[in-house]
Amino acid sequence: RKRARGTDGSSSATIEVFVEGGRSRDRRFVLPRTGFLRSLQSTGGDHLILPVTISYERIPEQAAMVQDAAAHGGSSRSSSRLSVLGLVRWLKSAVQGRVDL
C-alpha cells in the first residue's frame, strides 16, 4: 500500500474522492462505491471527511424518465419508499465512526 503524502512531505494529504451513488432511469438508487472509504477505515487512523453534494433542480433526462415511467405503467410509491429505506439502512450500516462538525 502506498501512503498519501502532503505537498510539504508530511504524512497528511488532501484527497478528493467521488463516492457517487447513482440512480437508474426509473429513479431507483444504485449503491455508491465504497472501496476507498473502507481502505481508509482499515488503516485505523483519524480521517477528516467533508461530504459535499451538488444538486440540480431539474434532472437533464427528466422528460425521458417520465416517458419511460408512463410506458411501463409507472412505479408505485411503496417501491420508491422501499428504495429510500434501503439506502438509509445501507448508509447506517456503512458509516461507522465519529463525525465532527
N, C-alpha and C. Protein backbone atom coordinates (compact mmCIF):
# COMPACT_ATOMS: atom_id res chain seq x y z
N ARG A 1 0.83 -1.18 0.00
CA ARG A 1 0.00 0.00 0.00
C ARG A 1 0.88 1.24 0.00
N LYS A 2 0.48 2.17 -0.79
CA LYS A 2 1.22 3.42 -0.87
C LYS A 2 0.57 4.45 0.04
N ARG A 3 1.37 5.17 0.80
CA ARG A 3 0.84 6.20 1.70
C ARG A 3 0.74 7.52 0.97
N ALA A 4 -0.33 8.23 1.23
CA ALA A 4 -0.50 9.56 0.66
C ALA A 4 0.34 10.55 1.46
N ARG A 5 1.02 11.42 0.78
CA ARG A 5 1.85 12.44 1.43
C ARG A 5 1.37 13.82 1.02
N GLY A 6 1.46 14.74 1.95
CA GLY A 6 1.11 16.12 1.64
C GLY A 6 2.18 16.75 0.77
N THR A 7 1.90 17.91 0.21
CA THR A 7 2.87 18.58 -0.65
C THR A 7 4.11 19.03 0.13
N ASP A 8 3.98 19.17 1.44
CA ASP A 8 5.13 19.57 2.26
C ASP A 8 5.90 18.36 2.80
N GLY A 9 5.53 17.16 2.36
CA GLY A 9 6.22 15.95 2.80
C GLY A 9 5.66 15.35 4.07
N SER A 10 4.66 16.00 4.66
CA SER A 10 4.07 15.46 5.88
C SER A 10 3.24 14.22 5.55
N SER A 11 2.80 13.54 6.58
CA SER A 11 2.04 12.32 6.35
C SER A 11 0.56 12.59 6.10
N SER A 12 0.18 13.85 6.01
CA SER A 12 -1.22 14.15 5.72
C SER A 12 -1.36 14.70 4.31
N ALA A 13 -2.48 14.42 3.71
CA ALA A 13 -2.73 14.90 2.36
C ALA A 13 -4.22 15.10 2.16
N THR A 14 -4.55 15.98 1.27
CA THR A 14 -5.95 16.18 0.91
C THR A 14 -6.21 15.34 -0.33
N ILE A 15 -7.21 14.51 -0.25
CA ILE A 15 -7.56 13.64 -1.37
C ILE A 15 -9.01 13.89 -1.72
N GLU A 16 -9.27 14.12 -2.98
CA GLU A 16 -10.62 14.36 -3.46
C GLU A 16 -11.16 13.04 -4.00
N VAL A 17 -12.29 12.61 -3.45
CA VAL A 17 -12.87 11.33 -3.83
C VAL A 17 -14.33 11.54 -4.19
N PHE A 18 -14.78 10.89 -5.24
CA PHE A 18 -16.17 10.97 -5.65
C PHE A 18 -16.82 9.61 -5.41
N VAL A 19 -17.46 9.48 -4.25
CA VAL A 19 -18.16 8.25 -3.90
C VAL A 19 -19.60 8.44 -4.37
N GLU A 20 -19.82 8.21 -5.63
CA GLU A 20 -21.10 8.56 -6.21
C GLU A 20 -22.05 7.38 -6.22
N GLY A 21 -23.16 7.59 -5.58
CA GLY A 21 -24.27 6.68 -5.80
C GLY A 21 -24.90 7.15 -7.08
N GLY A 22 -25.82 6.44 -7.54
CA GLY A 22 -26.45 6.87 -8.78
C GLY A 22 -27.92 6.56 -8.75
N ARG A 23 -28.51 6.69 -9.87
CA ARG A 23 -29.90 6.32 -10.00
C ARG A 23 -30.08 5.73 -11.38
N SER A 24 -30.96 4.78 -11.45
CA SER A 24 -31.26 4.21 -12.75
C SER A 24 -32.29 5.09 -13.42
N ARG A 25 -32.65 4.77 -14.63
CA ARG A 25 -33.61 5.61 -15.35
C ARG A 25 -34.97 5.62 -14.69
N ASP A 26 -35.28 4.60 -13.89
CA ASP A 26 -36.56 4.62 -13.18
C ASP A 26 -36.41 5.17 -11.77
N ARG A 27 -35.31 5.87 -11.53
CA ARG A 27 -35.02 6.60 -10.29
C ARG A 27 -34.77 5.70 -9.08
N ARG A 28 -34.47 4.46 -9.29
CA ARG A 28 -34.07 3.61 -8.17
C ARG A 28 -32.62 3.94 -7.84
N PHE A 29 -32.29 3.85 -6.56
CA PHE A 29 -30.93 4.17 -6.13
C PHE A 29 -29.97 3.05 -6.50
N VAL A 30 -28.78 3.42 -6.88
CA VAL A 30 -27.69 2.49 -7.12
C VAL A 30 -26.67 2.75 -6.02
N LEU A 31 -26.21 1.71 -5.37
CA LEU A 31 -25.31 1.89 -4.24
C LEU A 31 -23.98 2.52 -4.66
N PRO A 32 -23.46 3.42 -3.85
CA PRO A 32 -22.17 4.03 -4.16
C PRO A 32 -21.03 3.03 -3.99
N ARG A 33 -19.92 3.35 -4.58
CA ARG A 33 -18.73 2.50 -4.47
C ARG A 33 -17.92 2.97 -3.27
N THR A 34 -17.71 2.09 -2.33
CA THR A 34 -17.12 2.50 -1.05
C THR A 34 -15.75 1.89 -0.77
N GLY A 35 -15.11 1.34 -1.78
CA GLY A 35 -13.82 0.69 -1.56
C GLY A 35 -12.78 1.60 -0.95
N PHE A 36 -12.71 2.84 -1.42
CA PHE A 36 -11.72 3.77 -0.89
C PHE A 36 -11.99 4.09 0.57
N LEU A 37 -13.27 4.31 0.90
CA LEU A 37 -13.62 4.61 2.29
C LEU A 37 -13.32 3.42 3.20
N ARG A 38 -13.56 2.22 2.71
CA ARG A 38 -13.23 1.02 3.51
C ARG A 38 -11.72 0.91 3.72
N SER A 39 -10.94 1.28 2.71
CA SER A 39 -9.49 1.26 2.86
C SER A 39 -9.05 2.26 3.93
N LEU A 40 -9.65 3.45 3.92
CA LEU A 40 -9.33 4.43 4.95
C LEU A 40 -9.68 3.89 6.33
N GLN A 41 -10.85 3.28 6.43
CA GLN A 41 -11.30 2.75 7.72
C GLN A 41 -10.35 1.67 8.22
N SER A 42 -9.82 0.86 7.32
CA SER A 42 -8.96 -0.25 7.74
C SER A 42 -7.60 0.23 8.25
N THR A 43 -7.21 1.48 7.96
CA THR A 43 -5.92 1.98 8.44
C THR A 43 -5.94 2.23 9.94
N GLY A 44 -7.14 2.46 10.50
CA GLY A 44 -7.24 2.72 11.92
C GLY A 44 -6.89 4.14 12.31
N GLY A 45 -6.53 4.97 11.34
CA GLY A 45 -6.16 6.35 11.64
C GLY A 45 -7.37 7.27 11.71
N ASP A 46 -7.10 8.51 12.08
CA ASP A 46 -8.15 9.53 12.10
C ASP A 46 -8.18 10.22 10.74
N HIS A 47 -9.37 10.37 10.20
CA HIS A 47 -9.52 10.99 8.89
C HIS A 47 -10.64 12.02 8.96
N LEU A 48 -10.45 13.12 8.30
CA LEU A 48 -11.47 14.15 8.21
C LEU A 48 -12.16 14.00 6.86
N ILE A 49 -13.46 13.79 6.89
CA ILE A 49 -14.23 13.62 5.66
C ILE A 49 -15.25 14.74 5.59
N LEU A 50 -15.26 15.45 4.49
CA LEU A 50 -16.19 16.55 4.28
C LEU A 50 -17.12 16.18 3.13
N PRO A 51 -18.34 15.73 3.45
CA PRO A 51 -19.27 15.36 2.38
C PRO A 51 -19.84 16.60 1.70
N VAL A 52 -19.89 16.56 0.40
CA VAL A 52 -20.41 17.67 -0.40
C VAL A 52 -21.34 17.08 -1.45
N THR A 53 -22.42 17.76 -1.71
CA THR A 53 -23.32 17.31 -2.77
C THR A 53 -23.58 18.46 -3.73
N ILE A 54 -23.77 18.11 -4.96
CA ILE A 54 -24.18 19.08 -5.97
C ILE A 54 -25.53 18.60 -6.46
N SER A 55 -26.51 19.45 -6.32
CA SER A 55 -27.87 19.06 -6.69
C SER A 55 -28.39 20.01 -7.76
N TYR A 56 -29.08 19.45 -8.70
CA TYR A 56 -29.68 20.24 -9.76
C TYR A 56 -31.18 20.25 -9.55
N GLU A 57 -31.81 21.40 -9.80
CA GLU A 57 -33.26 21.48 -9.62
C GLU A 57 -33.98 20.64 -10.65
N ARG A 58 -33.42 20.53 -11.82
CA ARG A 58 -34.06 19.75 -12.87
C ARG A 58 -33.08 18.70 -13.36
N ILE A 59 -33.57 17.50 -13.48
CA ILE A 59 -32.74 16.40 -13.96
C ILE A 59 -32.73 16.47 -15.48
N PRO A 60 -31.55 16.46 -16.12
CA PRO A 60 -31.50 16.59 -17.58
C PRO A 60 -32.34 15.55 -18.32
N GLU A 61 -32.40 14.33 -17.83
CA GLU A 61 -33.15 13.27 -18.52
C GLU A 61 -34.58 13.17 -18.03
N GLN A 62 -35.08 14.18 -17.36
CA GLN A 62 -36.39 14.09 -16.72
C GLN A 62 -37.50 13.74 -17.70
N ALA A 63 -37.53 14.35 -18.87
CA ALA A 63 -38.59 14.07 -19.85
C ALA A 63 -38.55 12.61 -20.29
N ALA A 64 -37.36 12.08 -20.54
CA ALA A 64 -37.24 10.68 -20.95
C ALA A 64 -37.66 9.75 -19.83
N MET A 65 -37.36 10.11 -18.59
CA MET A 65 -37.74 9.27 -17.45
C MET A 65 -39.25 9.24 -17.28
N VAL A 66 -39.91 10.38 -17.50
CA VAL A 66 -41.37 10.43 -17.39
C VAL A 66 -41.99 9.56 -18.48
N GLN A 67 -41.46 9.63 -19.70
CA GLN A 67 -41.98 8.81 -20.79
C GLN A 67 -41.79 7.33 -20.49
N ASP A 68 -40.62 6.95 -19.98
CA ASP A 68 -40.37 5.54 -19.63
C ASP A 68 -41.34 5.07 -18.56
N ALA A 69 -41.57 5.90 -17.55
CA ALA A 69 -42.48 5.52 -16.47
C ALA A 69 -43.90 5.36 -17.00
N ALA A 70 -44.32 6.25 -17.90
CA ALA A 70 -45.66 6.16 -18.47
C ALA A 70 -45.80 4.91 -19.33
N ALA A 71 -44.76 4.58 -20.08
CA ALA A 71 -44.79 3.40 -20.95
C ALA A 71 -44.83 2.10 -20.15
N HIS A 72 -44.23 2.10 -18.97
CA HIS A 72 -44.17 0.89 -18.15
C HIS A 72 -45.18 0.91 -17.01
N GLY A 73 -46.13 1.79 -17.08
CA GLY A 73 -47.16 1.84 -16.04
C GLY A 73 -46.73 2.56 -14.79
N GLY A 74 -45.59 3.21 -14.81
CA GLY A 74 -45.14 3.96 -13.63
C GLY A 74 -44.65 3.03 -12.54
N SER A 75 -44.13 3.61 -11.52
CA SER A 75 -43.69 2.82 -10.37
C SER A 75 -44.55 3.18 -9.18
N SER A 76 -44.76 2.25 -8.31
CA SER A 76 -45.60 2.50 -7.15
C SER A 76 -44.84 3.29 -6.10
N ARG A 77 -45.56 4.03 -5.29
CA ARG A 77 -44.92 4.80 -4.22
C ARG A 77 -44.25 3.88 -3.21
N SER A 78 -44.83 2.71 -2.99
CA SER A 78 -44.25 1.81 -1.99
C SER A 78 -42.87 1.34 -2.42
N SER A 79 -42.66 1.07 -3.72
CA SER A 79 -41.32 0.66 -4.14
C SER A 79 -40.34 1.82 -4.01
N SER A 80 -40.82 3.04 -4.22
CA SER A 80 -39.96 4.21 -4.04
C SER A 80 -39.58 4.35 -2.57
N ARG A 81 -40.54 4.18 -1.69
CA ARG A 81 -40.25 4.25 -0.25
C ARG A 81 -39.27 3.16 0.16
N LEU A 82 -39.47 1.95 -0.38
CA LEU A 82 -38.57 0.86 -0.04
C LEU A 82 -37.16 1.17 -0.51
N SER A 83 -37.02 1.79 -1.67
CA SER A 83 -35.69 2.14 -2.17
C SER A 83 -35.01 3.13 -1.24
N VAL A 84 -35.74 4.13 -0.79
CA VAL A 84 -35.17 5.13 0.11
C VAL A 84 -34.82 4.49 1.45
N LEU A 85 -35.71 3.64 1.96
CA LEU A 85 -35.42 2.96 3.23
C LEU A 85 -34.19 2.07 3.09
N GLY A 86 -34.07 1.40 1.96
CA GLY A 86 -32.89 0.57 1.73
C GLY A 86 -31.61 1.38 1.72
N LEU A 87 -31.66 2.54 1.09
CA LEU A 87 -30.49 3.41 1.06
C LEU A 87 -30.14 3.91 2.45
N VAL A 88 -31.15 4.28 3.23
CA VAL A 88 -30.91 4.75 4.60
C VAL A 88 -30.30 3.63 5.43
N ARG A 89 -30.83 2.43 5.31
CA ARG A 89 -30.26 1.29 6.06
C ARG A 89 -28.81 1.04 5.65
N TRP A 90 -28.55 1.12 4.34
CA TRP A 90 -27.19 0.89 3.88
C TRP A 90 -26.25 1.96 4.43
N LEU A 91 -26.68 3.22 4.38
CA LEU A 91 -25.84 4.30 4.92
C LEU A 91 -25.56 4.11 6.40
N LYS A 92 -26.59 3.70 7.14
CA LYS A 92 -26.42 3.49 8.58
C LYS A 92 -25.40 2.39 8.85
N SER A 93 -25.44 1.32 8.05
CA SER A 93 -24.50 0.22 8.27
C SER A 93 -23.10 0.54 7.74
N ALA A 94 -23.02 1.38 6.71
CA ALA A 94 -21.72 1.69 6.10
C ALA A 94 -20.94 2.72 6.89
N VAL A 95 -21.64 3.62 7.55
CA VAL A 95 -20.97 4.71 8.25
C VAL A 95 -20.75 4.30 9.70
N GLN A 96 -19.51 4.12 10.03
CA GLN A 96 -19.14 3.81 11.41
C GLN A 96 -18.00 4.75 11.77
N GLY A 97 -18.09 5.35 12.89
CA GLY A 97 -17.04 6.27 13.30
C GLY A 97 -17.64 7.51 13.90
N ARG A 98 -16.84 8.54 13.98
CA ARG A 98 -17.24 9.78 14.62
C ARG A 98 -17.28 10.89 13.58
N VAL A 99 -18.26 11.75 13.70
CA VAL A 99 -18.38 12.88 12.80
C VAL A 99 -18.25 14.16 13.61
N ASP A 100 -17.29 15.01 13.25
CA ASP A 100 -17.10 16.30 13.90
C ASP A 100 -17.45 17.39 12.91
N LEU A 101 -18.27 18.32 13.36
CA LEU A 101 -18.62 19.46 12.51
C LEU A 101 -18.04 20.73 13.09
